[in-house]
Amino acid sequence: MAADETSEGAVFDTRADAGEGEAGLVKLWLEAIALADTTEEDWRKRASEAIDIYRDAEKDRKAKRFNILHTNTETLAPALYNSTPVPDVRPRYMAGNPLDKQVSQVIERSLSFSIDTYDFNAVMEAAVKDRLLPGRAVTRVRYEPKFDDQGNVAYEAVTCEPVEWADFRIGPARVWSKTPWIAFRHYLTREQVTALNEKVGATIPLDSRVDGYKKDDDDNRAPDVFK
C-alpha cells in the first residue's frame, strides 16, 4: 500500500509505517479493508435500495403500484439460468489414446456426482439474482477434505457456495487480473470466536443480531445465542 490515506487520516508510505509484527500486519489489513469500505460505500447503498424495491419493502406507502423491477428480474433470471448443467469432458487432443478417454470419463463423472451431492441450482440462482439486482455475484468454491486416524485423506468434496454481496471486499485495481486481494466478512457466534481465541471470545461484544431484534432494543432482550 503506497501513500494511501487511511480512515484515520494516517498515511502508509511503506509497509513498515503500519508497525512491526502481527500488530502492524493487523493494522495494515484493517486500514486496507476500511479503504475498500469507503470506495464502494455509495454503490452498496444503491444496491441495498434496489433490493428493497425488488422486495417492495417500502413502508408507509398508501398508493398501489406495479413493481416492474420484480417483474423484469423474474423474467430475466430463467433466461440466464434455467437448468442444471451437464458436465461434458473431452480430451483436448483427439489422438485416439484410450487412456485419454478413460481419464475424461472419470473427471466427467466426478463433476456430475459433485453437482448432485448438494443444491447446486440454489447457488447458481442466488448468483443470478445478485447479478441482476445489486450487480455483483460472488460464488466461492470450497474444498473439504476428511482425514482418517493416520492423517490420510479418506474423503474429499468440492462444493460451491454463495457469498452475500455486502460481505465481499476487493483491493484497488483497474482490471481484475491486477486485484491485490479479496476479502470475505464472516459472522461468528461467541463459540466460534472462542474457538479462534479464548481470551477475545470471552469478552468481545456481539453487535449483530437476528432481524427480530431492533438495534435500539435493550441488549438484555437479545441473548448471545441470537447475536
Protein backbone atom coordinates (compact mmCIF):
# COMPACT_ATOMS: atom_id res chain seq x y z
CA MET A 1 0.00 0.00 0.00
CA ALA A 2 1.75 3.16 -1.15
CA ALA A 3 0.80 6.61 0.11
CA ASP A 4 -2.82 5.61 0.73
CA GLU A 5 -4.73 7.79 3.14
CA THR A 6 -6.41 5.67 5.80
CA SER A 7 -9.73 6.15 7.53
CA GLU A 8 -7.95 7.76 10.48
CA GLY A 9 -6.03 10.21 8.32
CA ALA A 10 -2.69 8.42 8.56
CA VAL A 11 -0.55 7.67 5.52
CA PHE A 12 1.39 4.44 4.96
CA ASP A 13 4.25 5.18 2.58
CA THR A 14 5.84 1.80 3.31
CA ARG A 15 4.82 -1.47 4.91
CA ALA A 16 6.93 -0.60 7.96
CA ASP A 17 4.80 2.50 8.69
CA ALA A 18 1.99 0.25 9.90
CA GLY A 19 4.18 -1.15 12.66
CA GLU A 20 6.12 -4.31 13.28
CA GLY A 21 4.97 -7.85 13.94
CA GLU A 22 1.43 -9.14 14.00
CA ALA A 23 0.04 -5.87 15.38
CA GLY A 24 1.37 -3.96 12.38
CA LEU A 25 0.05 -6.55 9.96
CA VAL A 26 -3.41 -6.40 11.55
CA LYS A 27 -3.39 -2.59 11.44
CA LEU A 28 -2.40 -2.63 7.78
CA TRP A 29 -5.24 -5.00 6.87
CA LEU A 30 -7.82 -3.09 8.90
CA GLU A 31 -6.89 0.10 7.09
CA ALA A 32 -6.96 -1.64 3.70
CA ILE A 33 -10.44 -3.00 4.38
CA ALA A 34 -11.59 0.41 5.65
CA LEU A 35 -10.45 1.94 2.36
CA ALA A 36 -12.38 -0.71 0.43
CA ASP A 37 -15.45 0.09 2.55
CA THR A 38 -15.22 3.76 1.65
CA THR A 39 -14.60 3.13 -2.05
CA GLU A 40 -17.81 1.16 -2.56
CA GLU A 41 -19.96 2.77 0.12
CA ASP A 42 -22.23 4.59 -2.34
CA TRP A 43 -22.63 1.53 -4.53
CA ARG A 44 -23.59 -0.70 -1.59
CA LYS A 45 -26.20 1.85 -0.56
CA ARG A 46 -27.74 1.87 -4.05
CA ALA A 47 -27.57 -1.92 -4.19
CA SER A 48 -29.47 -2.18 -0.92
CA GLU A 49 -32.09 0.26 -2.23
CA ALA A 50 -32.52 -1.84 -5.38
CA ILE A 51 -33.15 -4.96 -3.32
CA ASP A 52 -35.70 -3.10 -1.18
CA ILE A 53 -37.55 -2.04 -4.35
CA TYR A 54 -37.48 -5.63 -5.64
CA ARG A 55 -38.93 -6.86 -2.34
CA ASP A 56 -41.40 -3.96 -2.19
CA ALA A 57 -40.07 -3.23 1.28
CA GLU A 58 -41.08 0.44 1.37
CA LYS A 59 -43.10 1.25 4.48
CA ASP A 60 -45.94 3.72 4.92
CA ARG A 61 -46.85 3.55 1.22
CA LYS A 62 -50.55 4.06 0.63
CA ALA A 63 -50.82 4.09 -3.16
CA LYS A 64 -50.74 0.81 -5.08
CA ARG A 65 -48.19 0.37 -7.81
CA PHE A 66 -46.83 -2.23 -10.21
CA ASN A 67 -43.36 -3.46 -9.24
CA ILE A 68 -41.68 -3.50 -12.64
CA LEU A 69 -38.25 -4.31 -11.18
CA HIS A 70 -39.55 -7.52 -9.62
CA THR A 71 -41.26 -8.49 -12.87
CA ASN A 72 -38.21 -7.79 -15.02
CA THR A 73 -35.91 -9.68 -12.64
CA GLU A 74 -38.16 -12.74 -12.54
CA THR A 75 -38.35 -12.68 -16.35
CA LEU A 76 -34.61 -12.35 -16.94
CA ALA A 77 -33.43 -14.82 -14.28
CA PRO A 78 -34.70 -18.00 -16.01
CA ALA A 79 -33.18 -16.78 -19.29
CA LEU A 80 -29.75 -16.61 -17.64
CA TYR A 81 -30.00 -19.90 -15.72
CA ASN A 82 -32.83 -22.41 -16.06
CA SER A 83 -31.45 -25.93 -15.62
CA THR A 84 -28.63 -27.89 -14.02
CA PRO A 85 -25.61 -28.02 -16.35
CA VAL A 86 -24.50 -31.40 -17.69
CA PRO A 87 -20.70 -31.91 -17.48
CA ASP A 88 -19.07 -32.75 -20.81
CA VAL A 89 -15.35 -33.55 -20.56
CA ARG A 90 -13.32 -34.49 -23.65
CA PRO A 91 -9.61 -34.85 -24.41
CA ARG A 92 -8.09 -31.65 -25.72
CA TYR A 93 -6.20 -33.53 -28.40
CA MET A 94 -8.14 -36.35 -30.08
CA ALA A 95 -5.14 -38.63 -30.63
CA GLY A 96 -7.06 -41.85 -30.15
CA ASN A 97 -5.32 -42.80 -26.90
CA PRO A 98 -7.79 -44.93 -24.86
CA LEU A 99 -6.30 -43.62 -21.62
CA ASP A 100 -7.31 -40.07 -22.56
CA LYS A 101 -10.92 -41.17 -22.93
CA GLN A 102 -10.90 -43.02 -19.61
CA VAL A 103 -9.47 -40.04 -17.74
CA SER A 104 -12.07 -37.76 -19.33
CA GLN A 105 -14.86 -40.08 -18.20
CA VAL A 106 -13.54 -40.13 -14.64
CA ILE A 107 -13.47 -36.33 -14.50
CA GLU A 108 -16.91 -36.02 -16.09
CA ARG A 109 -18.49 -38.49 -13.68
CA SER A 110 -16.78 -36.81 -10.72
CA LEU A 111 -18.26 -33.47 -11.74
CA SER A 112 -21.72 -35.00 -12.14
CA PHE A 113 -21.51 -36.59 -8.71
CA SER A 114 -20.27 -33.36 -7.11
CA ILE A 115 -23.18 -31.37 -8.54
CA ASP A 116 -25.70 -33.98 -7.35
CA THR A 117 -24.46 -34.08 -3.75
CA TYR A 118 -25.73 -30.58 -2.85
CA ASP A 119 -28.18 -27.96 -4.10
CA PHE A 120 -26.07 -26.59 -6.94
CA ASN A 121 -29.09 -24.94 -8.55
CA ALA A 122 -29.77 -22.83 -5.45
CA VAL A 123 -26.21 -21.48 -5.57
CA MET A 124 -26.49 -20.52 -9.23
CA GLU A 125 -29.94 -18.98 -8.81
CA ALA A 126 -28.62 -16.85 -5.94
CA ALA A 127 -25.74 -15.70 -8.16
CA VAL A 128 -28.13 -14.74 -10.96
CA LYS A 129 -30.32 -12.69 -8.59
CA ASP A 130 -27.27 -10.89 -7.19
CA ARG A 131 -26.08 -10.12 -10.73
CA LEU A 132 -29.45 -8.69 -11.73
CA LEU A 133 -30.13 -6.67 -8.56
CA PRO A 134 -27.01 -5.32 -6.79
CA GLY A 135 -24.93 -6.02 -9.89
CA ARG A 136 -22.30 -8.28 -8.33
CA ALA A 137 -22.48 -12.03 -7.89
CA VAL A 138 -19.85 -13.82 -5.81
CA THR A 139 -19.69 -17.61 -5.60
CA ARG A 140 -16.96 -19.29 -3.59
CA VAL A 141 -15.59 -22.78 -4.26
CA ARG A 142 -14.89 -24.73 -1.06
CA TYR A 143 -12.66 -27.79 -0.78
CA GLU A 144 -13.43 -30.01 2.22
CA PRO A 145 -11.16 -32.99 2.92
CA LYS A 146 -11.80 -35.53 5.67
CA PHE A 147 -8.91 -37.41 7.23
CA ASP A 148 -8.64 -40.84 8.81
CA ASP A 149 -6.79 -41.67 12.04
CA GLN A 150 -3.48 -41.88 10.18
CA GLY A 151 -3.86 -38.41 8.71
CA ASN A 152 -4.59 -39.61 5.19
CA VAL A 153 -7.36 -38.11 3.08
CA ALA A 154 -10.29 -40.51 3.43
CA TYR A 155 -12.85 -38.42 1.59
CA GLU A 156 -12.86 -35.09 -0.19
CA ALA A 157 -15.54 -32.89 -1.69
CA VAL A 158 -15.68 -29.66 -3.67
CA THR A 159 -18.79 -27.51 -3.44
CA CYS A 160 -19.86 -24.02 -4.45
CA GLU A 161 -21.48 -21.61 -2.03
CA PRO A 162 -22.97 -18.13 -2.49
CA VAL A 163 -21.36 -15.15 -0.81
CA GLU A 164 -23.53 -12.23 0.24
CA TRP A 165 -22.57 -9.28 -1.98
CA ALA A 166 -22.39 -6.96 1.05
CA ASP A 167 -19.79 -9.24 2.69
CA PHE A 168 -17.26 -9.09 -0.16
CA ARG A 169 -14.36 -6.64 -0.36
CA ILE A 170 -11.77 -6.11 -3.07
CA GLY A 171 -8.43 -4.35 -3.19
CA PRO A 172 -7.82 -1.40 -5.56
CA ALA A 173 -7.22 -2.32 -9.20
CA ARG A 174 -8.26 -1.16 -12.66
CA VAL A 175 -8.68 -4.70 -14.01
CA TRP A 176 -9.46 -7.99 -12.24
CA SER A 177 -6.10 -9.59 -13.10
CA LYS A 178 -4.36 -6.85 -11.08
CA THR A 179 -6.51 -7.26 -7.97
CA PRO A 180 -4.11 -7.43 -4.99
CA TRP A 181 -6.51 -9.12 -2.56
CA ILE A 182 -10.10 -10.07 -1.88
CA ALA A 183 -11.80 -10.50 1.49
CA PHE A 184 -14.93 -12.14 2.88
CA ARG A 185 -16.72 -10.98 6.02
CA HIS A 186 -17.91 -13.74 8.33
CA TYR A 187 -20.48 -13.53 11.13
CA LEU A 188 -19.32 -15.65 14.06
CA THR A 189 -21.07 -16.82 17.21
CA ARG A 190 -19.34 -16.45 20.55
CA GLU A 191 -18.46 -20.13 20.46
CA GLN A 192 -16.79 -19.74 17.08
CA VAL A 193 -14.80 -16.69 18.21
CA THR A 194 -13.76 -18.51 21.38
CA ALA A 195 -12.50 -21.44 19.31
CA LEU A 196 -10.20 -18.99 17.50
CA ASN A 197 -9.12 -17.07 20.61
CA GLU A 198 -10.39 -17.88 24.11
CA LYS A 199 -9.46 -14.50 25.58
CA VAL A 200 -11.16 -12.48 22.82
CA GLY A 201 -14.14 -14.82 22.62
CA ALA A 202 -14.98 -14.36 26.28
CA THR A 203 -15.11 -10.56 26.16
CA ILE A 204 -15.85 -9.39 22.61
CA PRO A 205 -19.27 -7.71 22.23
CA LEU A 206 -21.61 -9.35 19.73
CA ASP A 207 -23.06 -6.44 17.73
CA SER A 208 -25.01 -8.26 15.04
CA ARG A 209 -28.49 -9.58 15.82
CA VAL A 210 -31.21 -11.52 14.08
CA ASP A 211 -33.88 -9.44 12.36
CA GLY A 212 -36.38 -9.87 15.16
CA TYR A 213 -34.40 -7.60 17.47
CA LYS A 214 -34.17 -3.92 16.60
CA LYS A 215 -30.94 -2.01 17.09
CA ASP A 216 -32.42 0.24 19.76
CA ASP A 217 -33.70 -2.68 21.85
CA ASP A 218 -32.18 -3.33 25.23
CA ASP A 219 -29.23 -5.71 24.98
CA ASN A 220 -30.79 -7.88 27.65
CA ARG A 221 -33.65 -8.72 25.27
CA ALA A 222 -31.28 -10.39 22.80
CA PRO A 223 -29.31 -13.25 24.35
CA ASP A 224 -25.96 -14.21 22.84
CA VAL A 225 -27.46 -17.17 21.04
CA PHE A 226 -29.34 -14.71 18.79
CA LYS A 227 -26.32 -12.48 18.14
